[in-house]
Amino acid sequence: MNKIFDKHIVLISGALGDIGKAIAVAFARHGASIALGDIRTEDQASVFKSELTLFGVQVHYHKVDVSNASAVADWISLVENTLGVPDIVIANAATVTIAGVEKVTPMQWANEIDINLNGSFYVTQAAANKLIEKGIAGRIVFIGSWAAHAVHPNLPAYSVSKAGIRMLCKCMALELASHQILVNEIAPGYVDAGLSAAVWKTNPEFSEQARQRVPVKKLITADQVARQVLLVCDPENVHMTGSTILMDGGLSLLT
């Protein structure tokens, strides 16, 4: 297999979720060193770490709450001291609250904005500043959502956080371009992973309803999201920045 990322260090937040794991495996297959961050314990991460090392790459795990800016800065420094400066940064950590505007509580709202939007900013800002300090070119990828532009009933906090990420992506892309740091967003539609997969597993009829709504009649897998991340991080990509890769099977065409 072509080890096109063998000289790169990939940092992934929310790395123990389905999409985070898929991204880590995809990069490890191509030779990258992997820095995993999540809120779970070292013991909970140990099996997955072992799986990644089978690809012959270095793997580091750190328990980190991305909504804590100082904890994120400490994580970036720890990765630098252990693996080196991460030059591919994947802002993936997210949570979701299923509650409409009349029901969502102030605490739920604040928590979701803190993790999804603020956390993405803390991770990418700290990593970008480190790259600038060292004079290293890099790639930043936000895992966004088609909910950033399409109204989703019962998901106001999630949708607003993802809309914020989309603008953050554009702002960072413009400001970091002169440093050769390219910033893009992958925006999936219905992904058969994480919370959605859990709901669909217990309610298969919901899964089929979702599938039938998608114009291409297919749900997205975590591996397919990971492949899109690899494409925008390809070393041959030297022009794409500030872009949103919308992979929703045509859902947005219905709104």
Protein backbone atom coordinates (compact mmCIF):
# COMPACT_ATOMS: atom_id res chain seq x y z
CA MET A 1 0.00 0.00 0.00
CA ASN A 2 1.21 3.51 -0.84
CA LYS A 3 2.47 5.11 2.39
CA ILE A 4 1.76 8.67 1.25
CA PHE A 5 1.36 9.94 4.81
CA ASP A 6 4.41 8.23 6.34
CA LYS A 7 6.10 11.54 7.14
CA HIS A 8 2.98 13.06 8.66
CA ILE A 9 1.50 13.24 12.15
CA VAL A 10 -2.29 13.22 12.31
CA LEU A 11 -4.13 14.59 15.34
CA ILE A 12 -7.79 13.57 15.73
CA SER A 13 -10.26 14.82 18.34
CA GLY A 14 -13.21 12.61 19.22
CA ALA A 15 -10.95 9.81 18.04
CA LEU A 16 -12.75 6.92 19.73
CA GLY A 17 -16.08 7.53 18.03
CA ASP A 18 -16.98 5.64 14.87
CA ILE A 19 -15.89 8.36 12.46
CA GLY A 20 -12.78 9.20 14.49
CA LYS A 21 -11.70 5.56 14.47
CA ALA A 22 -12.30 5.22 10.74
CA ILE A 23 -10.19 8.30 10.06
CA ALA A 24 -7.39 7.01 12.30
CA VAL A 25 -7.35 3.63 10.55
CA ALA A 26 -7.37 5.24 7.11
CA PHE A 27 -4.33 7.39 7.90
CA ALA A 28 -2.51 4.58 9.70
CA ARG A 29 -2.92 2.35 6.64
CA HIS A 30 -1.00 4.98 4.71
CA GLY A 31 1.82 5.27 7.24
CA ALA A 32 0.91 8.29 9.36
CA SER A 33 1.71 8.59 13.05
CA ILE A 34 -1.56 8.99 14.94
CA ALA A 35 -2.38 11.22 17.93
CA LEU A 36 -5.76 10.27 19.37
CA GLY A 37 -7.76 12.46 21.73
CA ASP A 38 -11.08 11.66 23.41
CA ILE A 39 -12.82 11.88 26.78
CA ARG A 40 -12.55 8.15 27.45
CA THR A 41 -9.89 6.59 29.64
CA GLU A 42 -6.54 5.19 28.57
CA ASP A 43 -7.84 1.69 29.31
CA GLN A 44 -10.81 2.26 27.01
CA ALA A 45 -8.45 3.34 24.26
CA SER A 46 -5.90 0.54 24.69
CA VAL A 47 -7.47 -2.02 22.34
CA PHE A 48 -7.86 0.46 19.51
CA LYS A 49 -4.31 1.74 20.02
CA SER A 50 -3.05 -1.83 19.68
CA GLU A 51 -5.02 -2.28 16.46
CA LEU A 52 -3.43 0.82 14.96
CA THR A 53 0.11 -0.21 15.86
CA LEU A 54 -0.37 -3.32 13.71
CA PHE A 55 0.05 -0.98 10.75
CA GLY A 56 3.59 -0.30 11.97
CA VAL A 57 2.93 3.29 12.99
CA GLN A 58 3.40 5.27 16.18
CA VAL A 59 0.22 5.89 18.16
CA HIS A 60 -0.38 8.21 21.09
CA TYR A 61 -3.56 8.59 23.14
CA HIS A 62 -4.50 11.32 25.58
CA LYS A 63 -7.74 11.87 27.48
CA VAL A 64 -8.81 15.42 26.73
CA ASP A 65 -11.92 17.56 27.01
CA VAL A 66 -11.87 19.76 23.91
CA SER A 67 -14.15 22.33 25.56
CA ASN A 68 -11.25 23.17 27.89
CA ALA A 69 -8.84 25.41 25.97
CA SER A 70 -5.91 24.94 28.36
CA ALA A 71 -6.36 21.14 28.31
CA VAL A 72 -6.29 21.24 24.51
CA ALA A 73 -3.08 23.32 24.52
CA ASP A 74 -1.49 20.81 26.90
CA TRP A 75 -2.54 17.97 24.58
CA ILE A 76 -0.96 19.63 21.53
CA SER A 77 2.28 20.17 23.46
CA LEU A 78 2.27 16.57 24.68
CA VAL A 79 1.83 15.28 21.13
CA GLU A 80 4.69 17.50 19.96
CA ASN A 81 6.97 16.09 22.65
CA THR A 82 5.92 12.51 21.93
CA LEU A 83 5.44 12.25 18.17
CA GLY A 84 6.31 15.67 16.80
CA VAL A 85 4.23 18.61 15.61
CA PRO A 86 0.94 17.37 14.13
CA ASP A 87 0.62 18.70 10.59
CA ILE A 88 -2.77 17.13 9.80
CA VAL A 89 -5.47 18.14 12.26
CA ILE A 90 -8.95 16.63 12.26
CA ALA A 91 -11.54 18.47 14.38
CA ASN A 92 -14.06 15.67 14.85
CA ALA A 93 -15.25 15.72 18.49
CA ALA A 94 -18.96 16.42 18.73
CA THR A 95 -22.09 15.72 20.70
CA VAL A 96 -25.77 16.02 19.87
CA THR A 97 -28.88 16.82 21.87
CA ILE A 98 -32.24 15.80 20.45
CA ALA A 99 -34.47 18.62 21.68
CA GLY A 100 -36.29 21.38 19.82
CA VAL A 101 -36.05 25.08 20.55
CA GLU A 102 -38.84 24.88 23.14
CA LYS A 103 -37.29 21.97 25.03
CA VAL A 104 -33.50 22.31 24.85
CA THR A 105 -32.15 23.55 28.18
CA PRO A 106 -29.56 26.30 28.61
CA MET A 107 -27.13 23.67 29.92
CA GLN A 108 -27.66 21.39 26.92
CA TRP A 109 -27.27 24.31 24.53
CA ALA A 110 -24.07 25.55 26.18
CA ASN A 111 -22.58 22.06 26.34
CA GLU A 112 -23.16 21.42 22.66
CA ILE A 113 -21.72 24.76 21.56
CA ASP A 114 -18.77 24.26 23.92
CA ILE A 115 -17.86 20.85 22.52
CA ASN A 116 -18.84 21.14 18.86
CA LEU A 117 -17.92 24.73 18.04
CA ASN A 118 -15.63 26.02 20.78
CA GLY A 119 -13.82 22.69 20.99
CA SER A 120 -13.19 22.67 17.25
CA PHE A 121 -11.78 26.20 17.51
CA TYR A 122 -9.53 25.39 20.47
CA VAL A 123 -8.07 22.31 18.76
CA THR A 124 -7.47 23.94 15.39
CA GLN A 125 -6.21 27.25 16.76
CA ALA A 126 -3.69 25.60 19.07
CA ALA A 127 -2.49 23.28 16.33
CA ALA A 128 -2.29 26.06 13.73
CA ASN A 129 -0.30 28.30 16.07
CA LYS A 130 2.17 25.47 16.63
CA LEU A 131 2.55 24.96 12.86
CA ILE A 132 3.10 28.67 12.32
CA GLU A 133 5.65 28.80 15.15
CA LYS A 134 7.62 25.95 13.57
CA GLY A 135 7.16 27.11 9.97
CA ILE A 136 5.44 23.87 8.95
CA ALA A 137 2.76 23.58 6.27
CA GLY A 138 -0.35 21.67 7.26
CA ARG A 139 -3.91 20.55 6.72
CA ILE A 140 -6.93 21.19 8.94
CA VAL A 141 -10.19 19.37 8.38
CA PHE A 142 -13.45 20.03 10.20
CA ILE A 143 -16.01 17.24 10.33
CA GLY A 144 -19.13 19.27 9.76
CA SER A 145 -22.61 18.36 8.60
CA TRP A 146 -25.24 19.20 6.03
CA ALA A 147 -27.14 20.43 9.12
CA ALA A 148 -24.96 23.54 8.84
CA HIS A 149 -27.25 24.86 6.11
CA ALA A 150 -30.42 22.71 6.25
CA VAL A 151 -32.88 23.22 9.11
CA HIS A 152 -33.21 20.10 11.26
CA PRO A 153 -36.20 19.96 13.64
CA ASN A 154 -35.18 18.97 17.17
CA LEU A 155 -31.49 19.69 16.50
CA PRO A 156 -31.09 23.47 16.90
CA ALA A 157 -27.95 23.38 19.03
CA TYR A 158 -26.24 20.87 16.76
CA SER A 159 -27.23 22.72 13.59
CA VAL A 160 -26.07 26.09 14.94
CA SER A 161 -22.76 24.61 16.09
CA LYS A 162 -22.14 23.10 12.65
CA ALA A 163 -23.10 26.35 10.91
CA GLY A 164 -20.53 28.09 13.10
CA ILE A 165 -17.90 25.53 12.14
CA ARG A 166 -18.54 26.23 8.46
CA MET A 167 -17.79 29.93 8.87
CA LEU A 168 -14.85 29.17 11.16
CA CYS A 169 -13.44 26.98 8.40
CA LYS A 170 -13.61 29.85 5.92
CA CYS A 171 -12.13 32.39 8.33
CA MET A 172 -9.22 30.12 9.21
CA ALA A 173 -8.65 29.16 5.58
CA LEU A 174 -8.17 32.79 4.55
CA GLU A 175 -5.97 33.75 7.48
CA LEU A 176 -3.79 30.63 7.33
CA ALA A 177 -3.35 30.42 3.57
CA SER A 178 -0.12 32.42 3.56
CA HIS A 179 1.32 29.86 6.00
CA GLN A 180 0.48 27.02 3.58
CA ILE A 181 -2.08 25.62 6.01
CA LEU A 182 -5.12 24.47 4.05
CA VAL A 183 -8.45 24.34 5.88
CA ASN A 184 -11.52 22.45 4.65
CA GLU A 185 -14.76 20.90 5.88
CA ILE A 186 -16.26 17.49 5.19
CA ALA A 187 -20.04 17.75 5.56
CA PRO A 188 -21.81 14.36 5.58
CA GLY A 189 -25.53 13.72 5.40
CA TYR A 190 -27.01 10.60 7.01
CA VAL A 191 -24.11 8.62 8.47
CA ASP A 192 -24.75 5.10 9.72
CA ALA A 193 -22.48 5.59 12.72
CA GLY A 194 -22.50 6.99 16.24
CA LEU A 195 -25.80 8.17 17.67
CA SER A 196 -27.67 7.67 14.40
CA ALA A 197 -26.52 4.07 14.14
CA ALA A 198 -27.56 3.41 17.75
CA VAL A 199 -31.04 4.80 17.11
CA TRP A 200 -31.40 2.95 13.83
CA LYS A 201 -30.25 -0.31 15.37
CA THR A 202 -33.12 -0.27 17.84
CA ASN A 203 -35.55 1.22 15.30
CA PRO A 204 -34.70 -0.33 11.89
CA GLU A 205 -37.73 1.32 10.34
CA PHE A 206 -36.12 4.75 10.97
CA SER A 207 -33.00 3.61 9.14
CA GLU A 208 -35.02 2.57 6.11
CA GLN A 209 -36.98 5.82 6.18
CA ALA A 210 -33.71 7.76 6.17
CA ARG A 211 -32.31 5.66 3.35
CA GLN A 212 -35.40 6.17 1.22
CA ARG A 213 -35.26 9.93 1.75
CA VAL A 214 -31.75 10.15 0.33
CA PRO A 215 -31.90 10.62 -3.45
CA VAL A 216 -29.13 8.06 -4.05
CA LYS A 217 -30.91 5.65 -1.63
CA LYS A 218 -27.75 5.00 0.39
CA LEU A 219 -26.56 5.80 3.91
CA ILE A 220 -22.98 6.91 4.49
CA THR A 221 -20.48 4.73 6.34
CA ALA A 222 -17.77 6.04 8.65
CA ASP A 223 -15.17 4.60 6.26
CA GLN A 224 -16.59 6.67 3.42
CA VAL A 225 -16.25 9.84 5.48
CA ALA A 226 -12.65 8.86 6.26
CA ARG A 227 -11.85 8.44 2.57
CA GLN A 228 -13.04 11.99 1.87
CA VAL A 229 -10.80 13.27 4.66
CA LEU A 230 -7.81 11.55 3.08
CA LEU A 231 -8.62 13.11 -0.29
CA VAL A 232 -8.51 16.69 0.99
CA CYS A 233 -5.31 15.95 2.95
CA ASP A 234 -3.52 14.39 -0.02
CA PRO A 235 -0.07 16.00 -0.44
CA GLU A 236 -0.96 16.69 -4.08
CA ASN A 237 -3.80 18.96 -2.94
CA VAL A 238 -2.18 22.39 -2.79
CA HIS A 239 -5.07 24.63 -3.85
CA MET A 240 -8.28 23.51 -2.12
CA THR A 241 -8.90 25.57 0.99
CA GLY A 242 -11.98 27.11 2.57
CA SER A 243 -14.09 24.49 0.82
CA THR A 244 -16.97 22.36 2.04
CA ILE A 245 -17.13 18.83 0.64
CA LEU A 246 -20.83 18.07 0.82
CA MET A 247 -21.43 14.31 0.81
CA ASP A 248 -25.13 13.96 1.53
CA GLY A 249 -26.33 11.84 -1.37
CA GLY A 250 -28.37 14.73 -2.69
CA LEU A 251 -30.31 15.50 0.48
CA SER A 252 -29.57 19.20 0.14
CA LEU A 253 -31.23 19.22 -3.25
CA LEU A 254 -34.54 18.49 -1.54
CA THR A 255 -34.50 21.60 0.68
